[in-house]
């Protein structure tokens, strides 16, 4: 029998803004780059479980929007081998 785990909870998109230097109070910083990462309990725990046991069936349960961020997160979860 194949082991199965259901991971339910928050599914987020983190926007990471890289800056050159940390500004002092009242100063501005130039953003050098911006990228997205999936985050929250479901992506983080689900990916970790798949890394620990690639044969484990992991079902990701949560609510995501029907927009580009939702598509991004669904793609990240599918690429990690999670069942959506």
PDB file of N, CA and C in Angstrom:
ATOM      1  N   UNK A   1       0.843  -1.183   0.000  1.00  0.00           N
ATOM      2  CA  UNK A   1       0.000   0.000   0.000  1.00  0.00           C
ATOM      3  C   UNK A   1       0.890   1.250   0.000  1.00  0.00           C
ATOM      4  N   UNK A   2       0.567   2.173  -0.844  1.00  0.00           N
ATOM      5  CA  UNK A   2       1.325   3.418  -0.959  1.00  0.00           C
ATOM      6  C   UNK A   2       0.898   4.393   0.128  1.00  0.00           C
ATOM      7  N   UNK A   3       1.881   5.010   0.794  1.00  0.00           N
ATOM      8  CA  UNK A   3       1.572   6.005   1.825  1.00  0.00           C
ATOM      9  C   UNK A   3       1.075   7.294   1.194  1.00  0.00           C
ATOM     10  N   UNK A   4       0.108   7.920   1.865  1.00  0.00           N
ATOM     11  CA  UNK A   4      -0.468   9.164   1.360  1.00  0.00           C
ATOM     12  C   UNK A   4      -0.611  10.154   2.511  1.00  0.00           C
ATOM     13  N   UNK A   5      -0.286  11.405   2.244  1.00  0.00           N
ATOM     14  CA  UNK A   5      -0.413  12.476   3.227  1.00  0.00           C
ATOM     15  C   UNK A   5      -1.179  13.622   2.587  1.00  0.00           C
ATOM     16  N   UNK A   6      -2.085  14.221   3.362  1.00  0.00           N
ATOM     17  CA  UNK A   6      -2.791  15.418   2.905  1.00  0.00           C
ATOM     18  C   UNK A   6      -2.237  16.602   3.690  1.00  0.00           C
ATOM     19  N   UNK A   7      -1.795  17.615   2.962  1.00  0.00           N
ATOM     20  CA  UNK A   7      -1.283  18.842   3.582  1.00  0.00           C
ATOM     21  C   UNK A   7      -2.264  19.956   3.238  1.00  0.00           C
ATOM     22  N   UNK A   8      -2.884  20.542   4.274  1.00  0.00           N
ATOM     23  CA  UNK A   8      -3.881  21.597   4.059  1.00  0.00           C
ATOM     24  C   UNK A   8      -3.489  22.841   4.848  1.00  0.00           C
ATOM     25  N   UNK A   9      -3.747  23.994   4.260  1.00  0.00           N
ATOM     26  CA  UNK A   9      -3.451  25.237   4.962  1.00  0.00           C
ATOM     27  C   UNK A   9      -3.199  26.369   3.996  1.00  0.00           C
ATOM     28  N   UNK A  10      -2.324  27.270   4.407  1.00  0.00           N
ATOM     29  CA  UNK A  10      -2.064  28.483   3.623  1.00  0.00           C
ATOM     30  C   UNK A  10      -1.158  28.192   2.430  1.00  0.00           C
ATOM     31  N   UNK A  11      -1.477  28.845   1.325  1.00  0.00           N
ATOM     32  CA  UNK A  11      -0.675  28.802   0.101  1.00  0.00           C
ATOM     33  C   UNK A  11      -0.457  30.253  -0.307  1.00  0.00           C
ATOM     34  N   UNK A  12       0.795  30.678  -0.320  1.00  0.00           N
ATOM     35  CA  UNK A  12       1.113  32.088  -0.545  1.00  0.00           C
ATOM     36  C   UNK A  12       2.088  32.269  -1.688  1.00  0.00           C
ATOM     37  N   UNK A  13       2.160  33.480  -2.190  1.00  0.00           N
ATOM     38  CA  UNK A  13       3.213  33.881  -3.116  1.00  0.00           C
ATOM     39  C   UNK A  13       4.022  34.959  -2.419  1.00  0.00           C
ATOM     40  N   UNK A  14       5.294  34.677  -2.206  1.00  0.00           N
ATOM     41  CA  UNK A  14       6.201  35.651  -1.602  1.00  0.00           C
ATOM     42  C   UNK A  14       6.890  36.422  -2.715  1.00  0.00           C
ATOM     43  N   UNK A  15       6.904  37.730  -2.599  1.00  0.00           N
ATOM     44  CA  UNK A  15       7.634  38.571  -3.542  1.00  0.00           C
ATOM     45  C   UNK A  15       8.908  39.044  -2.839  1.00  0.00           C
ATOM     46  N   UNK A  16      10.031  38.652  -3.407  1.00  0.00           N
ATOM     47  CA  UNK A  16      11.331  38.950  -2.815  1.00  0.00           C
ATOM     48  C   UNK A  16      11.933  40.141  -3.565  1.00  0.00           C
ATOM     49  N   UNK A  17      12.190  41.220  -2.827  1.00  0.00           N
ATOM     50  CA  UNK A  17      12.798  42.420  -3.401  1.00  0.00           C
ATOM     51  C   UNK A  17      14.244  42.480  -2.928  1.00  0.00           C
ATOM     52  N   UNK A  18      15.191  42.347  -3.849  1.00  0.00           N
ATOM     53  CA  UNK A  18      16.606  42.429  -3.513  1.00  0.00           C
ATOM     54  C   UNK A  18      17.061  43.883  -3.623  1.00  0.00           C
ATOM     55  N   UNK A  19      17.726  44.357  -2.577  1.00  0.00           N
ATOM     56  CA  UNK A  19      18.240  45.732  -2.578  1.00  0.00           C
ATOM     57  C   UNK A  19      19.758  45.689  -2.425  1.00  0.00           C
ATOM     58  N   UNK A  20      20.407  46.758  -2.856  1.00  0.00           N
ATOM     59  CA  UNK A  20      21.861  46.816  -2.782  1.00  0.00           C
ATOM     60  C   UNK A  20      22.381  47.028  -1.376  1.00  0.00           C
ATOM     61  N   UNK A  21      21.811  47.977  -0.668  1.00  0.00           N
ATOM     62  CA  UNK A  21      22.219  48.271   0.709  1.00  0.00           C
ATOM     63  C   UNK A  21      20.981  48.545   1.542  1.00  0.00           C
ATOM     64  N   UNK A  22      21.052  48.211   2.806  1.00  0.00           N
ATOM     65  CA  UNK A  22      19.947  48.472   3.717  1.00  0.00           C
ATOM     66  C   UNK A  22      19.962  49.957   4.065  1.00  0.00           C
ATOM     67  N   UNK A  23      18.859  50.678   3.840  1.00  0.00           N
ATOM     68  CA  UNK A  23      18.859  52.126   4.049  1.00  0.00           C
ATOM     69  C   UNK A  23      18.756  52.499   5.531  1.00  0.00           C
ATOM     70  N   UNK A  24      19.290  53.660   5.850  1.00  0.00           N
ATOM     71  CA  UNK A  24      19.110  54.232   7.179  1.00  0.00           C
ATOM     72  C   UNK A  24      17.702  54.820   7.253  1.00  0.00           C
ATOM     73  N   UNK A  25      17.256  55.120   8.441  1.00  0.00           N
ATOM     74  CA  UNK A  25      15.936  55.690   8.649  1.00  0.00           C
ATOM     75  C   UNK A  25      15.759  56.952   7.793  1.00  0.00           C
ATOM     76  N   UNK A  26      14.673  57.018   7.058  1.00  0.00           N
ATOM     77  CA  UNK A  26      14.376  58.180   6.225  1.00  0.00           C
ATOM     78  C   UNK A  26      14.984  58.120   4.839  1.00  0.00           C
ATOM     79  N   UNK A  27      15.823  57.139   4.554  1.00  0.00           N
ATOM     80  CA  UNK A  27      16.448  57.006   3.237  1.00  0.00           C
ATOM     81  C   UNK A  27      15.679  56.002   2.380  1.00  0.00           C
ATOM     82  N   UNK A  28      15.939  56.036   1.097  1.00  0.00           N
ATOM     83  CA  UNK A  28      15.350  55.088   0.161  1.00  0.00           C
ATOM     84  C   UNK A  28      16.401  54.079  -0.277  1.00  0.00           C
ATOM     85  N   UNK A  29      15.948  52.945  -0.773  1.00  0.00           N
ATOM     86  CA  UNK A  29      16.850  51.934  -1.304  1.00  0.00           C
ATOM     87  C   UNK A  29      16.423  51.593  -2.722  1.00  0.00           C
ATOM     88  N   UNK A  30      17.385  51.317  -3.568  1.00  0.00           N
ATOM     89  CA  UNK A  30      17.086  50.922  -4.935  1.00  0.00           C
ATOM     90  C   UNK A  30      16.830  49.418  -4.959  1.00  0.00           C
ATOM     91  N   UNK A  31      15.690  49.035  -5.546  1.00  0.00           N
ATOM     92  CA  UNK A  31      15.366  47.619  -5.698  1.00  0.00           C
ATOM     93  C   UNK A  31      16.082  47.119  -6.948  1.00  0.00           C
ATOM     94  N   UNK A  32      16.954  46.129  -6.756  1.00  0.00           N
ATOM     95  CA  UNK A  32      17.750  45.616  -7.880  1.00  0.00           C
ATOM     96  C   UNK A  32      17.040  44.521  -8.656  1.00  0.00           C
ATOM     97  N   UNK A  33      16.226  43.725  -7.960  1.00  0.00           N
ATOM     98  CA  UNK A  33      15.479  42.671  -8.639  1.00  0.00           C
ATOM     99  C   UNK A  33      14.298  42.241  -7.778  1.00  0.00           C
ATOM    100  N   UNK A  34      13.313  41.673  -8.425  1.00  0.00           N
ATOM    101  CA  UNK A  34      12.123  41.144  -7.750  1.00  0.00           C
ATOM    102  C   UNK A  34      11.865  39.755  -8.318  1.00  0.00           C
ATOM    103  N   UNK A  35      11.635  38.784  -7.445  1.00  0.00           N
ATOM    104  CA  UNK A  35      11.218  37.471  -7.927  1.00  0.00           C
ATOM    105  C   UNK A  35      10.192  36.874  -6.977  1.00  0.00           C
ATOM    106  N   UNK A  36       9.498  35.854  -7.471  1.00  0.00           N
ATOM    107  CA  UNK A  36       8.442  35.212  -6.692  1.00  0.00           C
ATOM    108  C   UNK A  36       8.901  33.840  -6.227  1.00  0.00           C
ATOM    109  N   UNK A  37       8.399  33.461  -5.076  1.00  0.00           N
ATOM    110  CA  UNK A  37       8.563  32.113  -4.550  1.00  0.00           C
ATOM    111  C   UNK A  37       7.239  31.699  -3.945  1.00  0.00           C
ATOM    112  N   UNK A  38       6.922  30.425  -4.026  1.00  0.00           N
ATOM    113  CA  UNK A  38       5.728  29.948  -3.340  1.00  0.00           C
ATOM    114  C   UNK A  38       6.074  29.718  -1.879  1.00  0.00           C
ATOM    115  N   UNK A  39       5.133  30.017  -0.998  1.00  0.00           N
ATOM    116  CA  UNK A  39       5.370  29.868   0.428  1.00  0.00           C
ATOM    117  C   UNK A  39       4.092  29.515   1.153  1.00  0.00           C
ATOM    118  N   UNK A  40       4.183  29.457   2.450  1.00  0.00           N
ATOM    119  CA  UNK A  40       3.064  29.045   3.280  1.00  0.00           C
ATOM    120  C   UNK A  40       3.213  27.590   3.675  1.00  0.00           C
ATOM    121  N   UNK A  41       2.315  27.127   4.529  1.00  0.00           N
ATOM    122  CA  UNK A  41       2.401  25.777   5.061  1.00  0.00           C
ATOM    123  C   UNK A  41       2.362  24.703   3.980  1.00  0.00           C
ATOM    124  N   UNK A  42       1.434  24.789   3.056  1.00  0.00           N
ATOM    125  CA  UNK A  42       1.259  23.722   2.068  1.00  0.00           C
ATOM    126  C   UNK A  42       2.482  23.567   1.166  1.00  0.00           C
ATOM    127  N   UNK A  43       2.962  24.620   0.495  1.00  0.00           N
ATOM    128  CA  UNK A  43       4.137  24.432  -0.353  1.00  0.00           C
ATOM    129  C   UNK A  43       5.391  24.017   0.434  1.00  0.00           C
ATOM    130  N   UNK A  44       5.626  24.655   1.569  1.00  0.00           N
ATOM    131  CA  UNK A  44       6.840  24.360   2.324  1.00  0.00           C
ATOM    132  C   UNK A  44       6.832  22.943   2.885  1.00  0.00           C
ATOM    133  N   UNK A  45       5.748  22.559   3.533  1.00  0.00           N
ATOM    134  CA  UNK A  45       5.664  21.217   4.121  1.00  0.00           C
ATOM    135  C   UNK A  45       5.553  20.157   3.036  1.00  0.00           C
ATOM    136  N   UNK A  46       4.755  20.414   2.018  1.00  0.00           N
ATOM    137  CA  UNK A  46       4.587  19.442   0.941  1.00  0.00           C
ATOM    138  C   UNK A  46       5.881  19.137   0.222  1.00  0.00           C
ATOM    139  N   UNK A  47       6.647  20.173  -0.127  1.00  0.00           N
ATOM    140  CA  UNK A  47       7.939  19.961  -0.799  1.00  0.00           C
ATOM    141  C   UNK A  47       8.910  19.213   0.099  1.00  0.00           C
ATOM    142  N   UNK A  48       8.940  19.575   1.383  1.00  0.00           N
ATOM    143  CA  UNK A  48       9.850  18.895   2.317  1.00  0.00           C
ATOM    144  C   UNK A  48       9.501  17.418   2.449  1.00  0.00           C
ATOM    145  N   UNK A  49       8.210  17.095   2.521  1.00  0.00           N
ATOM    146  CA  UNK A  49       7.807  15.694   2.607  1.00  0.00           C
ATOM    147  C   UNK A  49       8.239  14.916   1.363  1.00  0.00           C
ATOM    148  N   UNK A  50       8.087  15.528   0.185  1.00  0.00           N
ATOM    149  CA  UNK A  50       8.513  14.865  -1.056  1.00  0.00           C
ATOM    150  C   UNK A  50      10.026  14.684  -1.097  1.00  0.00           C
ATOM    151  N   UNK A  51      10.776  15.631  -0.535  1.00  0.00           N
ATOM    152  CA  UNK A  51      12.238  15.478  -0.484  1.00  0.00           C
ATOM    153  C   UNK A  51      12.635  14.339   0.451  1.00  0.00           C
ATOM    154  N   UNK A  52      11.936  14.221   1.573  1.00  0.00           N
ATOM    155  CA  UNK A  52      12.236  13.163   2.529  1.00  0.00           C
ATOM    156  C   UNK A  52      11.869  11.782   1.990  1.00  0.00           C
ATOM    157  N   UNK A  53      10.756  11.685   1.264  1.00  0.00           N
ATOM    158  CA  UNK A  53      10.299  10.412   0.708  1.00  0.00           C
ATOM    159  C   UNK A  53       9.665  10.661  -0.658  1.00  0.00           C
ATOM    160  N   UNK A  54      10.465  10.599  -1.733  1.00  0.00           N
ATOM    161  CA  UNK A  54       9.935  10.875  -3.073  1.00  0.00           C
ATOM    162  C   UNK A  54       8.773   9.969  -3.479  1.00  0.00           C
ATOM    163  N   UNK A  55       8.650   8.794  -2.878  1.00  0.00           N
ATOM    164  CA  UNK A  55       7.573   7.879  -3.212  1.00  0.00           C
ATOM    165  C   UNK A  55       6.275   8.179  -2.481  1.00  0.00           C
ATOM    166  N   UNK A  56       6.330   9.090  -1.533  1.00  0.00           N
ATOM    167  CA  UNK A  56       5.153   9.458  -0.753  1.00  0.00           C
ATOM    168  C   UNK A  56       4.187  10.263  -1.613  1.00  0.00           C
ATOM    169  N   UNK A  57       2.914   9.906  -1.582  1.00  0.00           N
ATOM    170  CA  UNK A  57       1.906  10.687  -2.297  1.00  0.00           C
ATOM    171  C   UNK A  57       1.459  11.821  -1.388  1.00  0.00           C
ATOM    172  N   UNK A  58       1.652  13.067  -1.844  1.00  0.00           N
ATOM    173  CA  UNK A  58       1.305  14.249  -1.053  1.00  0.00           C
ATOM    174  C   UNK A  58       0.211  15.016  -1.798  1.00  0.00           C
ATOM    175  N   UNK A  59      -0.928  15.160  -1.129  1.00  0.00           N
ATOM    176  CA  UNK A  59      -2.049  15.913  -1.695  1.00  0.00           C
ATOM    177  C   UNK A  59      -2.059  17.308  -1.085  1.00  0.00           C
ATOM    178  N   UNK A  60      -1.952  18.332  -1.927  1.00  0.00           N
ATOM    179  CA  UNK A  60      -1.956  19.729  -1.487  1.00  0.00           C
ATOM    180  C   UNK A  60      -3.382  20.262  -1.519  1.00  0.00           C
ATOM    181  N   UNK A  61      -3.845  20.786  -0.373  1.00  0.00           N
ATOM    182  CA  UNK A  61      -5.208  21.308  -0.273  1.00  0.00           C
ATOM    183  C   UNK A  61      -5.152  22.753   0.219  1.00  0.00           C
ATOM    184  N   UNK A  62      -5.750  23.650  -0.535  1.00  0.00           N
ATOM    185  CA  UNK A  62      -5.807  25.055  -0.161  1.00  0.00           C
ATOM    186  C   UNK A  62      -6.512  25.832  -1.252  1.00  0.00           C
ATOM    187  N   UNK A  63      -6.716  27.095  -1.013  1.00  0.00           N
ATOM    188  CA  UNK A  63      -7.424  27.965  -1.958  1.00  0.00           C
ATOM    189  C   UNK A  63      -6.427  28.923  -2.596  1.00  0.00           C
ATOM    190  N   UNK A  64      -6.422  28.977  -3.924  1.00  0.00           N
ATOM    191  CA  UNK A  64      -5.590  29.939  -4.644  1.00  0.00           C
ATOM    192  C   UNK A  64      -6.456  30.670  -5.661  1.00  0.00           C
ATOM    193  N   UNK A  65      -6.028  31.840  -6.031  1.00  0.00           N
ATOM    194  CA  UNK A  65      -6.772  32.641  -6.987  1.00  0.00           C
ATOM    195  C   UNK A  65      -6.615  32.143  -8.412  1.00  0.00           C
ATOM    196  N   UNK A  66      -7.508  32.609  -9.264  1.00  0.00           N
ATOM    197  CA  UNK A  66      -7.473  32.260 -10.685  1.00  0.00           C
ATOM    198  C   UNK A  66      -6.783  33.396 -11.441  1.00  0.00           C
ATOM    199  N   UNK A  67      -5.532  33.664 -11.049  1.00  0.00           N
ATOM    200  CA  UNK A  67      -4.751  34.733 -11.663  1.00  0.00           C
ATOM    201  C   UNK A  67      -3.339  34.228 -11.896  1.00  0.00           C
ATOM    202  N   UNK A  68      -2.432  35.117 -12.274  1.00  0.00           N
ATOM    203  CA  UNK A  68      -1.065  34.680 -12.588  1.00  0.00           C
ATOM    204  C   UNK A  68      -0.345  34.133 -11.357  1.00  0.00           C
ATOM    205  N   UNK A  69      -0.612  34.694 -10.172  1.00  0.00           N
ATOM    206  CA  UNK A  69       0.010  34.159  -8.952  1.00  0.00           C
ATOM    207  C   UNK A  69      -0.530  32.766  -8.633  1.00  0.00           C
ATOM    208  N   UNK A  70      -1.822  32.557  -8.830  1.00  0.00           N
ATOM    209  CA  UNK A  70      -2.404  31.235  -8.621  1.00  0.00           C
ATOM    210  C   UNK A  70      -1.809  30.211  -9.573  1.00  0.00           C
ATOM    211  N   UNK A  71      -1.661  30.584 -10.833  1.00  0.00           N
ATOM    212  CA  UNK A  71      -1.049  29.689 -11.817  1.00  0.00           C
ATOM    213  C   UNK A  71       0.398  29.394 -11.452  1.00  0.00           C
ATOM    214  N   UNK A  72       1.113  30.416 -10.965  1.00  0.00           N
ATOM    215  CA  UNK A  72       2.504  30.242 -10.552  1.00  0.00           C
ATOM    216  C   UNK A  72       2.608  29.215  -9.421  1.00  0.00           C
ATOM    217  N   UNK A  73       1.769  29.367  -8.399  1.00  0.00           N
ATOM    218  CA  UNK A  73       1.800  28.456  -7.250  1.00  0.00           C
ATOM    219  C   UNK A  73       1.408  27.044  -7.671  1.00  0.00           C
ATOM    220  N   UNK A  74       0.368  26.907  -8.486  1.00  0.00           N
ATOM    221  CA  UNK A  74      -0.030  25.573  -8.945  1.00  0.00           C
ATOM    222  C   UNK A  74       1.104  24.910  -9.712  1.00  0.00           C
ATOM    223  N   UNK A  75       1.797  25.679 -10.538  1.00  0.00           N
ATOM    224  CA  UNK A  75       2.937  25.135 -11.286  1.00  0.00           C
ATOM    225  C   UNK A  75       4.072  24.706 -10.369  1.00  0.00           C
ATOM    226  N   UNK A  76       4.356  25.516  -9.352  1.00  0.00           N
ATOM    227  CA  UNK A  76       5.404  25.174  -8.390  1.00  0.00           C
ATOM    228  C   UNK A  76       5.078  23.884  -7.650  1.00  0.00           C
ATOM    229  N   UNK A  77       3.829  23.739  -7.226  1.00  0.00           N
ATOM    230  CA  UNK A  77       3.419  22.534  -6.496  1.00  0.00           C
ATOM    231  C   UNK A  77       3.460  21.313  -7.412  1.00  0.00           C
ATOM    232  N   UNK A  78       2.985  21.459  -8.621  1.00  0.00           N
ATOM    233  CA  UNK A  78       3.011  20.329  -9.564  1.00  0.00           C
ATOM    234  C   UNK A  78       4.446  19.930  -9.885  1.00  0.00           C
ATOM    235  N   UNK A  79       5.326  20.921 -10.097  1.00  0.00           N
ATOM    236  CA  UNK A  79       6.741  20.627 -10.386  1.00  0.00           C
ATOM    237  C   UNK A  79       7.411  19.884  -9.239  1.00  0.00           C
ATOM    238  N   UNK A  80       6.960  20.146  -8.010  1.00  0.00           N
ATOM    239  CA  UNK A  80       7.523  19.474  -6.833  1.00  0.00           C
ATOM    240  C   UNK A  80       6.942  18.067  -6.657  1.00  0.00           C
ATOM    241  N   UNK A  81       5.958  17.702  -7.501  1.00  0.00           N
ATOM    242  CA  UNK A  81       5.384  16.374  -7.440  1.00  0.00           C
ATOM    243  C   UNK A  81       4.196  16.225  -6.513  1.00  0.00           C
ATOM    244  N   UNK A  82       3.608  17.360  -6.093  1.00  0.00           N
ATOM    245  CA  UNK A  82       2.445  17.295  -5.227  1.00  0.00           C
ATOM    246  C   UNK A  82       1.189  17.119  -6.069  1.00  0.00           C
ATOM    247  N   UNK A  83       0.243  16.376  -5.517  1.00  0.00           N
ATOM    248  CA  UNK A  83      -1.044  16.156  -6.181  1.00  0.00           C
ATOM    249  C   UNK A  83      -1.944  17.339  -5.838  1.00  0.00           C
ATOM    250  N   UNK A  84      -2.490  17.997  -6.854  1.00  0.00           N
ATOM    251  CA  UNK A  84      -3.334  19.152  -6.624  1.00  0.00           C
ATOM    252  C   UNK A  84      -4.784  18.746  -6.638  1.00  0.00           C
TER     253      UNK A  84
END
